[in-house]
Every structure is written in structure tokens, then in C-alpha cells.
Amino acid sequence: MDRTITLTASLTPEEGGYVARCLELPVVTEGDTVEEAVAMLREAVELYLEDQPLPEQPPHPVLTPFDVSVPAA
């Protein structure tokens, strides 16, 4: 029987679309829109999980902003 799990997507705007990454698994894809990128990521994760076992409880990442000092222009 199938079960539903919640994973985290990170989307980065790139020229012409978005790069979508699953933060819990090594899966990356892209799409022209946010919706398309998430749909493509969902499909890629489903295909990945056909061949790879999913941990019982995948680790959820902790996201936090941080500052970096850069030289003045």
C-alpha cells in the first residue's frame, strides 16, 4: 500500500525557469515555472524512490538565513 511523505523543495530562479532540488534526497530537476518545476521534482523523486529505499523517517532540513561579509565594491 502506498503512503504519502512530505519532502522539502528548494527552487532557485535561473534564466528561463527554475531549478528544483529535494533537500532530503539527491534529486534535482528544472521547469519553466514554479509549478512545473515542482511537478517535475515530484516525478523525479518518485522515479528515484523506485530504485532507492526511503529511510523510515527522512531527515527534514533546518533552513536559516546567515550573513556573509563581502568586500565593498
N, C-alpha and C. Protein backbone atom coordinates (compact mmCIF):
# COMPACT_ATOMS: atom_id res chain seq x y z
N MET A 1 0.85 -1.18 0.00
CA MET A 1 0.00 0.00 0.00
C MET A 1 0.89 1.24 0.00
N ASP A 2 0.55 2.21 -0.82
CA ASP A 2 1.31 3.45 -0.90
C ASP A 2 1.07 4.31 0.32
N ARG A 3 2.10 5.11 0.64
CA ARG A 3 1.96 6.09 1.71
C ARG A 3 2.45 7.42 1.16
N THR A 4 2.03 8.49 1.77
CA THR A 4 2.44 9.82 1.36
C THR A 4 3.43 10.36 2.37
N ILE A 5 4.53 10.93 1.87
CA ILE A 5 5.51 11.56 2.74
C ILE A 5 5.66 13.01 2.30
N THR A 6 6.10 13.85 3.21
CA THR A 6 6.32 15.25 2.90
C THR A 6 7.82 15.50 2.81
N LEU A 7 8.25 16.04 1.68
CA LEU A 7 9.65 16.39 1.47
C LEU A 7 9.72 17.89 1.22
N THR A 8 10.94 18.42 1.16
CA THR A 8 11.14 19.86 1.02
C THR A 8 11.77 20.16 -0.33
N ALA A 9 11.17 21.10 -1.07
CA ALA A 9 11.71 21.54 -2.35
C ALA A 9 12.34 22.91 -2.18
N SER A 10 13.50 23.08 -2.79
CA SER A 10 14.16 24.38 -2.87
C SER A 10 14.18 24.78 -4.33
N LEU A 11 13.63 25.95 -4.65
CA LEU A 11 13.59 26.42 -6.04
C LEU A 11 14.47 27.65 -6.19
N THR A 12 15.32 27.62 -7.21
CA THR A 12 16.21 28.73 -7.50
C THR A 12 15.90 29.25 -8.90
N PRO A 13 15.58 30.54 -9.02
CA PRO A 13 15.35 31.08 -10.36
C PRO A 13 16.62 31.03 -11.19
N GLU A 14 16.49 30.56 -12.39
CA GLU A 14 17.59 30.53 -13.36
C GLU A 14 17.04 31.13 -14.64
N GLU A 15 17.91 31.51 -15.53
CA GLU A 15 17.44 32.10 -16.78
C GLU A 15 16.49 31.13 -17.50
N GLY A 16 15.27 31.57 -17.71
CA GLY A 16 14.30 30.75 -18.43
C GLY A 16 13.52 29.78 -17.57
N GLY A 17 13.69 29.80 -16.23
CA GLY A 17 12.92 28.88 -15.41
C GLY A 17 13.46 28.76 -14.01
N TYR A 18 13.28 27.57 -13.43
CA TYR A 18 13.66 27.31 -12.04
C TYR A 18 14.36 25.96 -11.93
N VAL A 19 15.36 25.92 -11.06
CA VAL A 19 15.99 24.65 -10.70
C VAL A 19 15.35 24.21 -9.38
N ALA A 20 14.86 22.98 -9.33
CA ALA A 20 14.19 22.46 -8.14
C ALA A 20 15.04 21.35 -7.54
N ARG A 21 15.28 21.44 -6.22
CA ARG A 21 16.07 20.44 -5.51
C ARG A 21 15.24 19.87 -4.36
N CYS A 22 15.31 18.57 -4.18
CA CYS A 22 14.74 17.94 -3.00
C CYS A 22 15.83 17.97 -1.94
N LEU A 23 15.56 18.61 -0.80
CA LEU A 23 16.59 18.78 0.21
C LEU A 23 16.87 17.51 1.01
N GLU A 24 15.97 16.56 1.02
CA GLU A 24 16.19 15.33 1.77
C GLU A 24 16.83 14.22 0.93
N LEU A 25 16.76 14.34 -0.39
CA LEU A 25 17.25 13.30 -1.30
C LEU A 25 18.13 13.95 -2.38
N PRO A 26 19.02 13.20 -2.99
CA PRO A 26 19.88 13.77 -4.04
C PRO A 26 19.17 13.83 -5.39
N VAL A 27 18.12 14.63 -5.47
CA VAL A 27 17.33 14.74 -6.69
C VAL A 27 17.21 16.21 -7.07
N VAL A 28 17.54 16.52 -8.33
CA VAL A 28 17.48 17.88 -8.86
C VAL A 28 16.85 17.83 -10.24
N THR A 29 16.01 18.82 -10.55
CA THR A 29 15.42 18.91 -11.88
C THR A 29 15.12 20.38 -12.16
N GLU A 30 14.39 20.66 -13.23
CA GLU A 30 14.08 22.04 -13.56
C GLU A 30 12.75 22.13 -14.28
N GLY A 31 12.23 23.36 -14.36
CA GLY A 31 10.98 23.61 -15.07
C GLY A 31 10.89 25.08 -15.43
N ASP A 32 10.00 25.39 -16.35
CA ASP A 32 9.84 26.77 -16.81
C ASP A 32 9.15 27.65 -15.77
N THR A 33 8.27 27.07 -14.96
CA THR A 33 7.54 27.81 -13.93
C THR A 33 7.74 27.10 -12.60
N VAL A 34 7.36 27.77 -11.51
CA VAL A 34 7.44 27.13 -10.19
C VAL A 34 6.61 25.86 -10.18
N GLU A 35 5.40 25.95 -10.69
CA GLU A 35 4.50 24.79 -10.68
C GLU A 35 5.08 23.63 -11.49
N GLU A 36 5.64 23.96 -12.66
CA GLU A 36 6.23 22.90 -13.49
C GLU A 36 7.46 22.31 -12.82
N ALA A 37 8.29 23.14 -12.21
CA ALA A 37 9.50 22.65 -11.54
C ALA A 37 9.14 21.71 -10.40
N VAL A 38 8.11 22.05 -9.62
CA VAL A 38 7.68 21.18 -8.51
C VAL A 38 7.10 19.88 -9.06
N ALA A 39 6.32 19.97 -10.12
CA ALA A 39 5.75 18.75 -10.73
C ALA A 39 6.87 17.85 -11.26
N MET A 40 7.87 18.45 -11.89
CA MET A 40 8.99 17.66 -12.40
C MET A 40 9.79 17.04 -11.25
N LEU A 41 9.93 17.79 -10.16
CA LEU A 41 10.65 17.27 -8.99
C LEU A 41 9.88 16.11 -8.38
N ARG A 42 8.57 16.24 -8.26
CA ARG A 42 7.75 15.15 -7.72
C ARG A 42 7.95 13.88 -8.55
N GLU A 43 7.90 14.03 -9.87
CA GLU A 43 8.07 12.87 -10.75
C GLU A 43 9.48 12.28 -10.61
N ALA A 44 10.49 13.14 -10.55
CA ALA A 44 11.87 12.67 -10.41
C ALA A 44 12.08 11.93 -9.09
N VAL A 45 11.49 12.44 -8.01
CA VAL A 45 11.61 11.78 -6.71
C VAL A 45 10.91 10.43 -6.73
N GLU A 46 9.73 10.36 -7.33
CA GLU A 46 9.03 9.09 -7.43
C GLU A 46 9.86 8.06 -8.19
N LEU A 47 10.50 8.48 -9.28
CA LEU A 47 11.36 7.57 -10.04
C LEU A 47 12.59 7.17 -9.23
N TYR A 48 13.18 8.12 -8.52
CA TYR A 48 14.34 7.83 -7.67
C TYR A 48 13.97 6.79 -6.61
N LEU A 49 12.80 6.94 -6.00
CA LEU A 49 12.39 6.04 -4.92
C LEU A 49 11.99 4.65 -5.41
N GLU A 50 11.80 4.48 -6.71
CA GLU A 50 11.55 3.14 -7.24
C GLU A 50 12.78 2.26 -7.08
N ASP A 51 13.98 2.88 -7.12
CA ASP A 51 15.23 2.11 -7.06
C ASP A 51 15.97 2.25 -5.74
N GLN A 52 15.64 3.26 -4.94
CA GLN A 52 16.34 3.52 -3.70
C GLN A 52 15.38 3.39 -2.52
N PRO A 53 15.80 2.73 -1.46
CA PRO A 53 14.91 2.66 -0.29
C PRO A 53 14.83 4.02 0.39
N LEU A 54 13.67 4.33 0.88
CA LEU A 54 13.46 5.57 1.61
C LEU A 54 13.68 5.31 3.09
N PRO A 55 14.47 6.14 3.75
CA PRO A 55 14.60 5.96 5.20
C PRO A 55 13.22 6.02 5.86
N GLU A 56 13.06 5.31 6.96
CA GLU A 56 11.76 5.31 7.66
C GLU A 56 11.30 6.73 7.96
N GLN A 57 12.21 7.56 8.40
CA GLN A 57 11.88 8.96 8.68
C GLN A 57 12.96 9.83 8.02
N PRO A 58 12.72 10.32 6.78
CA PRO A 58 13.76 11.13 6.14
C PRO A 58 14.03 12.39 6.97
N PRO A 59 15.28 12.78 7.08
CA PRO A 59 15.60 13.96 7.88
C PRO A 59 15.09 15.23 7.20
N HIS A 60 14.41 16.07 7.95
CA HIS A 60 13.96 17.35 7.40
C HIS A 60 15.04 18.39 7.66
N PRO A 61 15.42 19.12 6.63
CA PRO A 61 16.48 20.10 6.79
C PRO A 61 16.02 21.27 7.67
N VAL A 62 16.98 21.92 8.27
CA VAL A 62 16.73 23.16 9.00
C VAL A 62 17.20 24.29 8.10
N LEU A 63 16.30 25.19 7.78
CA LEU A 63 16.64 26.31 6.91
C LEU A 63 16.76 27.57 7.75
N THR A 64 17.84 28.30 7.54
CA THR A 64 18.04 29.55 8.27
C THR A 64 18.89 30.49 7.43
N PRO A 65 18.59 31.77 7.47
CA PRO A 65 19.45 32.73 6.77
C PRO A 65 20.73 32.97 7.55
N PHE A 66 21.77 33.39 6.85
CA PHE A 66 23.01 33.76 7.53
C PHE A 66 23.67 34.88 6.71
N ASP A 67 24.49 35.69 7.40
CA ASP A 67 25.16 36.82 6.77
C ASP A 67 26.58 36.44 6.40
N VAL A 68 27.07 37.05 5.33
CA VAL A 68 28.43 36.87 4.85
C VAL A 68 29.00 38.24 4.55
N SER A 69 30.20 38.51 5.01
CA SER A 69 30.86 39.78 4.69
C SER A 69 31.54 39.67 3.34
N VAL A 70 31.34 40.67 2.50
CA VAL A 70 31.96 40.71 1.18
C VAL A 70 32.66 42.07 1.02
N PRO A 71 33.70 42.12 0.23
CA PRO A 71 34.38 43.40 0.03
C PRO A 71 33.46 44.43 -0.61
N ALA A 72 33.61 45.68 -0.19
CA ALA A 72 32.82 46.76 -0.78
C ALA A 72 33.23 46.95 -2.24
N ALA A 73 32.26 47.26 -3.07
CA ALA A 73 32.54 47.45 -4.50
C ALA A 73 33.14 48.81 -4.77
